[in-house]
Amino acid sequence: MDGFLSRKDQVVSSLVEALDPERKDKSPKGFVDAPILDLIHIINAHPDYYTTSSCSGRIAIYREGIEEKTTKGGVWLYVTHDPVEIPATADDGWIVRLLFGPESDRVVFESSGSVNPLEHQLIYFKFEPLILHVEASSQDTSMRLTSLAYQAGYQNSGMTPSRSRHMLAIRSTHKLDTPIAYVDPVTGKICCLVNPGYLRLLMDMSNEKFRQNMDRMKAFEIMMQAEVDSVTSKTHEETKEERRQRKKKEGIARQQAMAQSTKDKSLEDNLTDLNLE
């Protein structure tokens, strides 16, 4: 337990909550995503948990590295941690410039049809929902948090192997990860496998997933706050009204999570019916 408390104190005290030229955390941008700050504060307020890493969710365009597929070296062409506002006047050029940035002048909507993924750099459109890595003080508290995560709709959550620590990942399954282009090894052009309309569709779907992501996050915040309040109440006698309010919040959060899971399933079914042609 002493080791857990020591690690928690070190990690929590080193959290960087905004852009600071003097301080950075280990993430690429150097500080915690703003949308997830409240949830992190609530989790860290619980004596049995603390967050070790996090991402509130993002839309990204990722180009594989030139080297072997098993190595790193890819490039993020575009990343945003917020929904994208699409102008009413947006045309095909707008979506291309947004997603491919400085490399948009290399984009062509011509492909050779069949593409061997082992011989080309693929470019992926990704939506990645919230993910949290948490250390718990014991196996029992780890299992308790995993159960809460499931109730909030994070169906892909679970404990991760560790010899001496109780680690778990909190995450959901409603992500997108689809190839949209490849780099021609001869000309260097970015050859799109899909048309601009499909890129726009992926963006619209990702914006909807962002909304679902936030709804689920807020439901989880309510559940975690109830857990913190429950621990706090043990230090004093909880009144009937306090208990009633706590149970009411827990019930509302569970109802929201169940409704959101139903919406997510419907959206995933719609995506399954689509193809890249």
C-alpha atoms as a PDB file:
ATOM      1  CA  MET A   1       0.000   0.000   0.000  1.00  0.00           C
ATOM      2  CA  ASP A   2       2.872   2.380   0.773  1.00  0.00           C
ATOM      3  CA  GLY A   3       4.177   1.869  -2.765  1.00  0.00           C
ATOM      4  CA  PHE A   4       0.747   2.645  -4.212  1.00  0.00           C
ATOM      5  CA  LEU A   5       0.414   5.849  -2.187  1.00  0.00           C
ATOM      6  CA  SER A   6       3.916   6.947  -3.128  1.00  0.00           C
ATOM      7  CA  ARG A   7       3.277   6.388  -6.833  1.00  0.00           C
ATOM      8  CA  LYS A   8      -0.093   8.134  -6.628  1.00  0.00           C
ATOM      9  CA  ASP A   9       1.393  11.177  -4.933  1.00  0.00           C
ATOM     10  CA  GLN A  10       4.150  11.413  -7.525  1.00  0.00           C
ATOM     11  CA  VAL A  11       1.827  11.063 -10.541  1.00  0.00           C
ATOM     12  CA  VAL A  12      -0.956  13.325  -9.278  1.00  0.00           C
ATOM     13  CA  SER A  13       1.473  16.069  -8.287  1.00  0.00           C
ATOM     14  CA  SER A  14       3.056  15.991 -11.751  1.00  0.00           C
ATOM     15  CA  LEU A  15      -0.193  16.362 -13.728  1.00  0.00           C
ATOM     16  CA  VAL A  16       0.024  19.158 -16.287  1.00  0.00           C
ATOM     17  CA  GLU A  17      -3.447  20.563 -16.897  1.00  0.00           C
ATOM     18  CA  ALA A  18      -2.703  23.214 -19.522  1.00  0.00           C
ATOM     19  CA  LEU A  19      -0.065  24.228 -22.044  1.00  0.00           C
ATOM     20  CA  ASP A  20       2.995  25.249 -20.043  1.00  0.00           C
ATOM     21  CA  PRO A  21       6.404  25.904 -21.648  1.00  0.00           C
ATOM     22  CA  GLU A  22       8.070  25.051 -18.343  1.00  0.00           C
ATOM     23  CA  ARG A  23       6.306  21.737 -17.734  1.00  0.00           C
ATOM     24  CA  LYS A  24       5.164  18.821 -19.874  1.00  0.00           C
ATOM     25  CA  ASP A  25       3.823  15.353 -19.211  1.00  0.00           C
ATOM     26  CA  LYS A  26       4.697  12.278 -21.277  1.00  0.00           C
ATOM     27  CA  SER A  27       1.882  12.686 -23.831  1.00  0.00           C
ATOM     28  CA  PRO A  28       2.677  14.059 -27.323  1.00  0.00           C
ATOM     29  CA  LYS A  29       1.015  17.411 -26.634  1.00  0.00           C
ATOM     30  CA  GLY A  30       2.377  17.637 -23.093  1.00  0.00           C
ATOM     31  CA  PHE A  31      -0.762  18.138 -20.994  1.00  0.00           C
ATOM     32  CA  VAL A  32      -4.087  16.551 -20.058  1.00  0.00           C
ATOM     33  CA  ASP A  33      -7.008  16.845 -22.497  1.00  0.00           C
ATOM     34  CA  ALA A  34      -9.416  19.471 -21.142  1.00  0.00           C
ATOM     35  CA  PRO A  35     -12.638  17.414 -21.609  1.00  0.00           C
ATOM     36  CA  ILE A  36     -11.379  14.666 -19.303  1.00  0.00           C
ATOM     37  CA  LEU A  37     -10.020  16.845 -16.478  1.00  0.00           C
ATOM     38  CA  ASP A  38     -13.126  16.671 -14.265  1.00  0.00           C
ATOM     39  CA  LEU A  39     -13.228  12.871 -14.467  1.00  0.00           C
ATOM     40  CA  ILE A  40      -9.518  12.616 -13.670  1.00  0.00           C
ATOM     41  CA  HIS A  41      -9.932  14.867 -10.633  1.00  0.00           C
ATOM     42  CA  ILE A  42     -12.807  12.726  -9.347  1.00  0.00           C
ATOM     43  CA  ILE A  43     -10.929   9.444  -9.821  1.00  0.00           C
ATOM     44  CA  ASN A  44      -7.813  10.848  -8.184  1.00  0.00           C
ATOM     45  CA  ALA A  45      -9.916  12.082  -5.248  1.00  0.00           C
ATOM     46  CA  HIS A  46     -10.754   8.462  -4.417  1.00  0.00           C
ATOM     47  CA  PRO A  47      -8.201   6.992  -1.982  1.00  0.00           C
ATOM     48  CA  ASP A  48      -8.010   3.687  -3.881  1.00  0.00           C
ATOM     49  CA  TYR A  49      -7.372   4.961  -7.426  1.00  0.00           C
ATOM     50  CA  TYR A  50      -5.319   7.286  -9.566  1.00  0.00           C
ATOM     51  CA  THR A  51      -4.993   7.770 -13.321  1.00  0.00           C
ATOM     52  CA  THR A  52      -1.659   6.972 -14.958  1.00  0.00           C
ATOM     53  CA  SER A  53      -2.510   8.100 -18.513  1.00  0.00           C
ATOM     54  CA  SER A  54      -5.536   9.304 -20.420  1.00  0.00           C
ATOM     55  CA  CYS A  55      -7.041  10.474 -23.692  1.00  0.00           C
ATOM     56  CA  SER A  56     -10.463  12.096 -23.857  1.00  0.00           C
ATOM     57  CA  GLY A  57     -11.037  10.918 -27.430  1.00  0.00           C
ATOM     58  CA  ARG A  58      -9.801  12.074 -30.820  1.00  0.00           C
ATOM     59  CA  ILE A  59     -10.218  12.110 -34.585  1.00  0.00           C
ATOM     60  CA  ALA A  60      -6.966  11.422 -36.388  1.00  0.00           C
ATOM     61  CA  ILE A  61      -5.428  10.730 -39.777  1.00  0.00           C
ATOM     62  CA  TYR A  62      -2.447   8.403 -39.461  1.00  0.00           C
ATOM     63  CA  ARG A  63       0.108   7.521 -42.127  1.00  0.00           C
ATOM     64  CA  GLU A  64       2.139   4.372 -41.621  1.00  0.00           C
ATOM     65  CA  GLY A  65       5.920   4.511 -41.544  1.00  0.00           C
ATOM     66  CA  ILE A  66       8.050   3.575 -44.547  1.00  0.00           C
ATOM     67  CA  GLU A  67       9.902   0.860 -42.687  1.00  0.00           C
ATOM     68  CA  GLU A  68       8.650  -2.637 -41.924  1.00  0.00           C
ATOM     69  CA  LYS A  69       5.065  -2.829 -40.662  1.00  0.00           C
ATOM     70  CA  THR A  70       6.285  -4.059 -37.282  1.00  0.00           C
ATOM     71  CA  THR A  71       8.247  -0.873 -36.558  1.00  0.00           C
ATOM     72  CA  LYS A  72       7.132   2.583 -35.535  1.00  0.00           C
ATOM     73  CA  GLY A  73       7.799   5.754 -37.483  1.00  0.00           C
ATOM     74  CA  GLY A  74       4.326   6.688 -38.698  1.00  0.00           C
ATOM     75  CA  VAL A  75       3.074  10.274 -38.909  1.00  0.00           C
ATOM     76  CA  TRP A  76      -0.093  11.867 -37.545  1.00  0.00           C
ATOM     77  CA  LEU A  77      -1.318  14.059 -40.403  1.00  0.00           C
ATOM     78  CA  TYR A  78      -4.255  15.396 -38.406  1.00  0.00           C
ATOM     79  CA  VAL A  79      -5.407  15.165 -34.788  1.00  0.00           C
ATOM     80  CA  THR A  80      -8.218  16.872 -32.915  1.00  0.00           C
ATOM     81  CA  HIS A  81      -9.634  16.148 -29.464  1.00  0.00           C
ATOM     82  CA  ASP A  82     -12.853  18.044 -30.169  1.00  0.00           C
ATOM     83  CA  PRO A  83     -15.794  17.665 -32.561  1.00  0.00           C
ATOM     84  CA  VAL A  84     -15.174  19.313 -35.921  1.00  0.00           C
ATOM     85  CA  GLU A  85     -17.468  22.137 -36.983  1.00  0.00           C
ATOM     86  CA  ILE A  86     -18.197  21.610 -40.671  1.00  0.00           C
ATOM     87  CA  PRO A  87     -19.080  24.856 -42.519  1.00  0.00           C
ATOM     88  CA  ALA A  88     -22.279  24.847 -44.544  1.00  0.00           C
ATOM     89  CA  THR A  89     -20.204  25.929 -47.555  1.00  0.00           C
ATOM     90  CA  ALA A  90     -17.622  23.147 -47.149  1.00  0.00           C
ATOM     91  CA  ASP A  91     -16.682  21.542 -50.466  1.00  0.00           C
ATOM     92  CA  ASP A  92     -14.517  18.550 -51.389  1.00  0.00           C
ATOM     93  CA  GLY A  93     -11.373  20.659 -51.176  1.00  0.00           C
ATOM     94  CA  TRP A  94     -12.193  21.701 -47.607  1.00  0.00           C
ATOM     95  CA  ILE A  95     -12.328  18.148 -46.255  1.00  0.00           C
ATOM     96  CA  VAL A  96      -9.102  17.244 -48.082  1.00  0.00           C
ATOM     97  CA  ARG A  97      -7.240  20.293 -46.753  1.00  0.00           C
ATOM     98  CA  LEU A  98      -8.518  19.657 -43.233  1.00  0.00           C
ATOM     99  CA  LEU A  99      -7.534  15.998 -43.049  1.00  0.00           C
ATOM    100  CA  PHE A 100      -4.291  15.998 -45.032  1.00  0.00           C
ATOM    101  CA  GLY A 101      -2.996  19.467 -44.149  1.00  0.00           C
ATOM    102  CA  PRO A 102       0.291  20.450 -45.842  1.00  0.00           C
ATOM    103  CA  GLU A 103       0.220  17.211 -47.833  1.00  0.00           C
ATOM    104  CA  SER A 104      -3.203  17.886 -49.367  1.00  0.00           C
ATOM    105  CA  ASP A 105      -1.631  18.956 -52.679  1.00  0.00           C
ATOM    106  CA  ARG A 106      -0.400  15.357 -53.089  1.00  0.00           C
ATOM    107  CA  VAL A 107      -3.898  13.889 -52.750  1.00  0.00           C
ATOM    108  CA  VAL A 108      -5.521  12.340 -55.820  1.00  0.00           C
ATOM    109  CA  PHE A 109      -8.762  10.418 -56.077  1.00  0.00           C
ATOM    110  CA  GLU A 110      -7.315   7.794 -58.353  1.00  0.00           C
ATOM    111  CA  SER A 111      -6.235   4.368 -57.172  1.00  0.00           C
ATOM    112  CA  SER A 112      -5.074   1.199 -58.855  1.00  0.00           C
ATOM    113  CA  GLY A 113      -7.938  -0.751 -57.295  1.00  0.00           C
ATOM    114  CA  SER A 114      -6.364  -3.671 -55.465  1.00  0.00           C
ATOM    115  CA  VAL A 115      -3.674  -2.558 -53.014  1.00  0.00           C
ATOM    116  CA  ASN A 116      -1.267  -4.889 -51.226  1.00  0.00           C
ATOM    117  CA  PRO A 117      -1.086  -3.563 -47.649  1.00  0.00           C
ATOM    118  CA  LEU A 118       2.362  -5.113 -47.208  1.00  0.00           C
ATOM    119  CA  GLU A 119       3.798  -3.089 -50.081  1.00  0.00           C
ATOM    120  CA  HIS A 120       2.246   0.332 -49.494  1.00  0.00           C
ATOM    121  CA  GLN A 121       2.072   2.940 -46.758  1.00  0.00           C
ATOM    122  CA  LEU A 122      -1.571   2.994 -45.771  1.00  0.00           C
ATOM    123  CA  ILE A 123      -3.304   6.072 -44.394  1.00  0.00           C
ATOM    124  CA  TYR A 124      -6.060   5.540 -41.826  1.00  0.00           C
ATOM    125  CA  PHE A 125      -9.013   7.581 -40.637  1.00  0.00           C
ATOM    126  CA  LYS A 126      -9.413   6.982 -36.909  1.00  0.00           C
ATOM    127  CA  PHE A 127     -11.874   7.855 -34.226  1.00  0.00           C
ATOM    128  CA  GLU A 128     -10.585   6.773 -30.834  1.00  0.00           C
ATOM    129  CA  PRO A 129     -12.898   7.185 -27.828  1.00  0.00           C
ATOM    130  CA  LEU A 130     -11.889   7.894 -24.252  1.00  0.00           C
ATOM    131  CA  ILE A 131      -9.252   5.656 -22.743  1.00  0.00           C
ATOM    132  CA  LEU A 132      -8.042   5.776 -19.155  1.00  0.00           C
ATOM    133  CA  HIS A 133      -5.318   3.773 -17.480  1.00  0.00           C
ATOM    134  CA  VAL A 134      -5.782   3.535 -13.741  1.00  0.00           C
ATOM    135  CA  GLU A 135      -3.883   1.942 -10.879  1.00  0.00           C
ATOM    136  CA  ALA A 136      -5.986   0.566  -8.023  1.00  0.00           C
ATOM    137  CA  SER A 137      -4.869  -0.132  -4.477  1.00  0.00           C
ATOM    138  CA  SER A 138      -5.920  -3.809  -4.539  1.00  0.00           C
ATOM    139  CA  GLN A 139      -7.479  -6.510  -6.671  1.00  0.00           C
ATOM    140  CA  ASP A 140     -10.865  -5.947  -5.015  1.00  0.00           C
ATOM    141  CA  THR A 141     -10.875  -2.200  -5.717  1.00  0.00           C
ATOM    142  CA  SER A 142      -9.677  -2.879  -9.257  1.00  0.00           C
ATOM    143  CA  MET A 143     -12.598  -5.237  -9.833  1.00  0.00           C
ATOM    144  CA  ARG A 144     -14.989  -2.672  -8.355  1.00  0.00           C
ATOM    145  CA  LEU A 145     -13.819   0.033 -10.771  1.00  0.00           C
ATOM    146  CA  THR A 146     -14.000  -2.376 -13.712  1.00  0.00           C
ATOM    147  CA  SER A 147     -17.609  -3.132 -12.768  1.00  0.00           C
ATOM    148  CA  LEU A 148     -18.469   0.569 -12.646  1.00  0.00           C
ATOM    149  CA  ALA A 149     -16.829   1.112 -16.027  1.00  0.00           C
ATOM    150  CA  TYR A 150     -18.959  -1.667 -17.525  1.00  0.00           C
ATOM    151  CA  GLN A 151     -22.102  -0.108 -16.072  1.00  0.00           C
ATOM    152  CA  ALA A 152     -21.161   3.227 -17.656  1.00  0.00           C
ATOM    153  CA  GLY A 153     -20.831   1.586 -21.066  1.00  0.00           C
ATOM    154  CA  TYR A 154     -17.076   0.992 -21.251  1.00  0.00           C
ATOM    155  CA  GLN A 155     -17.480  -2.598 -22.381  1.00  0.00           C
ATOM    156  CA  ASN A 156     -13.863  -3.031 -23.463  1.00  0.00           C
ATOM    157  CA  SER A 157     -12.485  -2.325 -19.987  1.00  0.00           C
ATOM    158  CA  GLY A 158     -10.412  -4.771 -18.015  1.00  0.00           C
ATOM    159  CA  MET A 159      -7.441  -5.389 -15.791  1.00  0.00           C
ATOM    160  CA  THR A 160      -4.000  -5.501 -17.382  1.00  0.00           C
ATOM    161  CA  PRO A 161      -1.260  -7.952 -16.364  1.00  0.00           C
ATOM    162  CA  SER A 162       1.255  -6.724 -13.795  1.00  0.00           C
ATOM    163  CA  ARG A 163       3.353  -8.596 -11.270  1.00  0.00           C
ATOM    164  CA  SER A 164       3.154  -6.085  -8.467  1.00  0.00           C
ATOM    165  CA  ARG A 165       0.478  -3.514  -9.377  1.00  0.00           C
ATOM    166  CA  HIS A 166      -3.281  -3.559  -9.975  1.00  0.00           C
ATOM    167  CA  MET A 167      -3.672  -1.830 -13.346  1.00  0.00           C
ATOM    168  CA  LEU A 168      -6.751  -1.522 -15.501  1.00  0.00           C
ATOM    169  CA  ALA A 169      -7.777   0.135 -18.752  1.00  0.00           C
ATOM    170  CA  ILE A 170     -11.142   1.861 -19.110  1.00  0.00           C
ATOM    171  CA  ARG A 171     -12.293   2.027 -22.726  1.00  0.00           C
ATOM    172  CA  SER A 172     -15.246   1.394 -25.009  1.00  0.00           C
ATOM    173  CA  THR A 173     -15.655  -0.326 -28.347  1.00  0.00           C
ATOM    174  CA  HIS A 174     -17.215   2.467 -30.434  1.00  0.00           C
ATOM    175  CA  LYS A 175     -14.178   3.419 -32.493  1.00  0.00           C
ATOM    176  CA  LEU A 176     -13.446   3.832 -36.196  1.00  0.00           C
ATOM    177  CA  ASP A 177     -10.251   2.630 -37.817  1.00  0.00           C
ATOM    178  CA  THR A 178     -10.438   2.379 -41.587  1.00  0.00           C
ATOM    179  CA  PRO A 179      -7.909   2.760 -44.424  1.00  0.00           C
ATOM    180  CA  ILE A 180      -8.763   5.699 -46.678  1.00  0.00           C
ATOM    181  CA  ALA A 181      -5.652   6.088 -48.836  1.00  0.00           C
ATOM    182  CA  TYR A 182      -2.176   4.832 -49.639  1.00  0.00           C
ATOM    183  CA  VAL A 183       1.090   6.430 -50.736  1.00  0.00           C
ATOM    184  CA  ASP A 184       2.200   5.571 -54.265  1.00  0.00           C
ATOM    185  CA  PRO A 185       5.802   4.348 -53.826  1.00  0.00           C
ATOM    186  CA  VAL A 186       6.805   5.687 -57.262  1.00  0.00           C
ATOM    187  CA  THR A 187       5.113   9.086 -57.518  1.00  0.00           C
ATOM    188  CA  GLY A 188       4.695   9.841 -53.811  1.00  0.00           C
ATOM    189  CA  LYS A 189       1.076  10.786 -54.421  1.00  0.00           C
ATOM    190  CA  ILE A 190      -1.560  10.083 -51.785  1.00  0.00           C
ATOM    191  CA  CYS A 191      -4.105   7.928 -53.596  1.00  0.00           C
ATOM    192  CA  CYS A 192      -7.510   7.963 -51.925  1.00  0.00           C
ATOM    193  CA  LEU A 193      -9.407   4.695 -51.776  1.00  0.00           C
ATOM    194  CA  VAL A 194     -12.657   6.544 -51.079  1.00  0.00           C
ATOM    195  CA  ASN A 195     -14.326   9.669 -52.423  1.00  0.00           C
ATOM    196  CA  PRO A 196     -14.663  13.029 -50.582  1.00  0.00           C
ATOM    197  CA  GLY A 197     -18.272  12.230 -49.736  1.00  0.00           C
ATOM    198  CA  TYR A 198     -17.166   9.176 -47.796  1.00  0.00           C
ATOM    199  CA  LEU A 199     -14.551  11.236 -45.926  1.00  0.00           C
ATOM    200  CA  ARG A 200     -17.340  13.641 -45.002  1.00  0.00           C
ATOM    201  CA  LEU A 201     -19.475  10.708 -43.829  1.00  0.00           C
ATOM    202  CA  LEU A 202     -16.658   9.464 -41.584  1.00  0.00           C
ATOM    203  CA  MET A 203     -16.306  12.962 -40.125  1.00  0.00           C
ATOM    204  CA  ASP A 204     -20.049  13.219 -39.465  1.00  0.00           C
ATOM    205  CA  MET A 205     -20.050   9.806 -37.783  1.00  0.00           C
ATOM    206  CA  SER A 206     -17.029  10.763 -35.679  1.00  0.00           C
ATOM    207  CA  ASN A 207     -18.716  13.963 -34.520  1.00  0.00           C
ATOM    208  CA  GLU A 208     -21.689  11.865 -33.388  1.00  0.00           C
ATOM    209  CA  LYS A 209     -19.333   9.471 -31.630  1.00  0.00           C
ATOM    210  CA  PHE A 210     -17.741  12.448 -29.876  1.00  0.00           C
ATOM    211  CA  ARG A 211     -21.170  13.372 -28.514  1.00  0.00           C
ATOM    212  CA  GLN A 212     -21.740   9.809 -27.335  1.00  0.00           C
ATOM    213  CA  ASN A 213     -18.248   9.818 -25.848  1.00  0.00           C
ATOM    214  CA  MET A 214     -19.037  12.916 -23.774  1.00  0.00           C
ATOM    215  CA  ASP A 215     -22.408  11.547 -22.622  1.00  0.00           C
ATOM    216  CA  ARG A 216     -20.773   8.333 -21.443  1.00  0.00           C
ATOM    217  CA  MET A 217     -17.966  10.266 -19.761  1.00  0.00           C
ATOM    218  CA  LYS A 218     -20.455  12.402 -17.830  1.00  0.00           C
ATOM    219  CA  ALA A 219     -22.369   9.304 -16.722  1.00  0.00           C
ATOM    220  CA  PHE A 220     -19.119   7.769 -15.489  1.00  0.00           C
ATOM    221  CA  GLU A 221     -18.275  11.003 -13.661  1.00  0.00           C
ATOM    222  CA  ILE A 222     -21.555  10.744 -11.739  1.00  0.00           C
ATOM    223  CA  MET A 223     -20.854   7.115 -10.808  1.00  0.00           C
ATOM    224  CA  MET A 224     -17.321   7.897  -9.679  1.00  0.00           C
ATOM    225  CA  GLN A 225     -18.455  10.925  -7.692  1.00  0.00           C
ATOM    226  CA  ALA A 226     -20.938   8.655  -5.912  1.00  0.00           C
ATOM    227  CA  GLU A 227     -18.055   6.296  -5.089  1.00  0.00           C
ATOM    228  CA  VAL A 228     -16.008   9.170  -3.679  1.00  0.00           C
ATOM    229  CA  ASP A 229     -19.009  10.427  -1.708  1.00  0.00           C
ATOM    230  CA  SER A 230     -19.589   6.915  -0.364  1.00  0.00           C
ATOM    231  CA  VAL A 231     -16.022   6.717   0.927  1.00  0.00           C
ATOM    232  CA  THR A 232     -16.300  10.202   2.407  1.00  0.00           C
ATOM    233  CA  SER A 233     -19.586   9.332   4.113  1.00  0.00           C
ATOM    234  CA  LYS A 234     -17.844   6.588   6.058  1.00  0.00           C
ATOM    235  CA  THR A 235     -16.037   9.279   8.017  1.00  0.00           C
ATOM    236  CA  HIS A 236     -19.371  10.665   9.180  1.00  0.00           C
ATOM    237  CA  GLU A 237     -22.896   9.349   9.450  1.00  0.00           C
ATOM    238  CA  GLU A 238     -24.652   9.686   6.087  1.00  0.00           C
ATOM    239  CA  THR A 239     -28.130  11.185   6.448  1.00  0.00           C
ATOM    240  CA  LYS A 240     -31.149   9.625   4.780  1.00  0.00           C
ATOM    241  CA  GLU A 241     -31.381  12.597   2.418  1.00  0.00           C
ATOM    242  CA  GLU A 242     -27.709  12.325   1.435  1.00  0.00           C
ATOM    243  CA  ARG A 243     -28.115   8.619   0.773  1.00  0.00           C
ATOM    244  CA  ARG A 244     -31.282   9.252  -1.243  1.00  0.00           C
ATOM    245  CA  GLN A 245     -29.535  11.850  -3.393  1.00  0.00           C
ATOM    246  CA  ARG A 246     -26.517   9.590  -3.910  1.00  0.00           C
ATOM    247  CA  LYS A 247     -28.688   6.645  -4.977  1.00  0.00           C
ATOM    248  CA  LYS A 248     -30.687   8.920  -7.272  1.00  0.00           C
ATOM    249  CA  LYS A 249     -27.521  10.094  -9.039  1.00  0.00           C
ATOM    250  CA  GLU A 250     -26.294   6.528  -9.419  1.00  0.00           C
ATOM    251  CA  GLY A 251     -29.622   5.447 -10.925  1.00  0.00           C
ATOM    252  CA  ILE A 252     -29.692   8.339 -13.403  1.00  0.00           C
ATOM    253  CA  ALA A 253     -26.122   7.611 -14.477  1.00  0.00           C
ATOM    254  CA  ARG A 254     -26.909   3.932 -15.078  1.00  0.00           C
ATOM    255  CA  GLN A 255     -30.014   4.808 -17.113  1.00  0.00           C
ATOM    256  CA  GLN A 256     -27.991   7.232 -19.243  1.00  0.00           C
ATOM    257  CA  ALA A 257     -25.303   4.625 -19.814  1.00  0.00           C
ATOM    258  CA  MET A 258     -27.834   1.979 -20.877  1.00  0.00           C
ATOM    259  CA  ALA A 259     -29.548   4.383 -23.284  1.00  0.00           C
ATOM    260  CA  GLN A 260     -26.193   5.382 -24.749  1.00  0.00           C
ATOM    261  CA  SER A 261     -25.177   1.760 -25.280  1.00  0.00           C
ATOM    262  CA  THR A 262     -28.370   1.197 -27.289  1.00  0.00           C
ATOM    263  CA  LYS A 263     -27.586   4.218 -29.491  1.00  0.00           C
ATOM    264  CA  ASP A 264     -24.002   3.038 -29.983  1.00  0.00           C
ATOM    265  CA  LYS A 265     -25.183  -0.392 -31.120  1.00  0.00           C
ATOM    266  CA  SER A 266     -27.486   1.205 -33.696  1.00  0.00           C
ATOM    267  CA  LEU A 267     -24.667   3.371 -35.042  1.00  0.00           C
ATOM    268  CA  GLU A 268     -22.281   0.419 -35.270  1.00  0.00           C
ATOM    269  CA  ASP A 269     -24.915  -1.566 -37.190  1.00  0.00           C
ATOM    270  CA  ASN A 270     -25.234   1.297 -39.668  1.00  0.00           C
ATOM    271  CA  LEU A 271     -21.477   1.392 -40.190  1.00  0.00           C
ATOM    272  CA  THR A 272     -21.364  -2.353 -40.792  1.00  0.00           C
ATOM    273  CA  ASP A 273     -23.798  -1.895 -43.672  1.00  0.00           C
ATOM    274  CA  LEU A 274     -21.444   0.543 -45.413  1.00  0.00           C
ATOM    275  CA  ASN A 275     -18.533  -0.315 -47.700  1.00  0.00           C
ATOM    276  CA  LEU A 276     -15.623   1.602 -49.187  1.00  0.00           C
ATOM    277  CA  GLU A 277     -16.779   1.523 -52.803  1.00  0.00           C
END
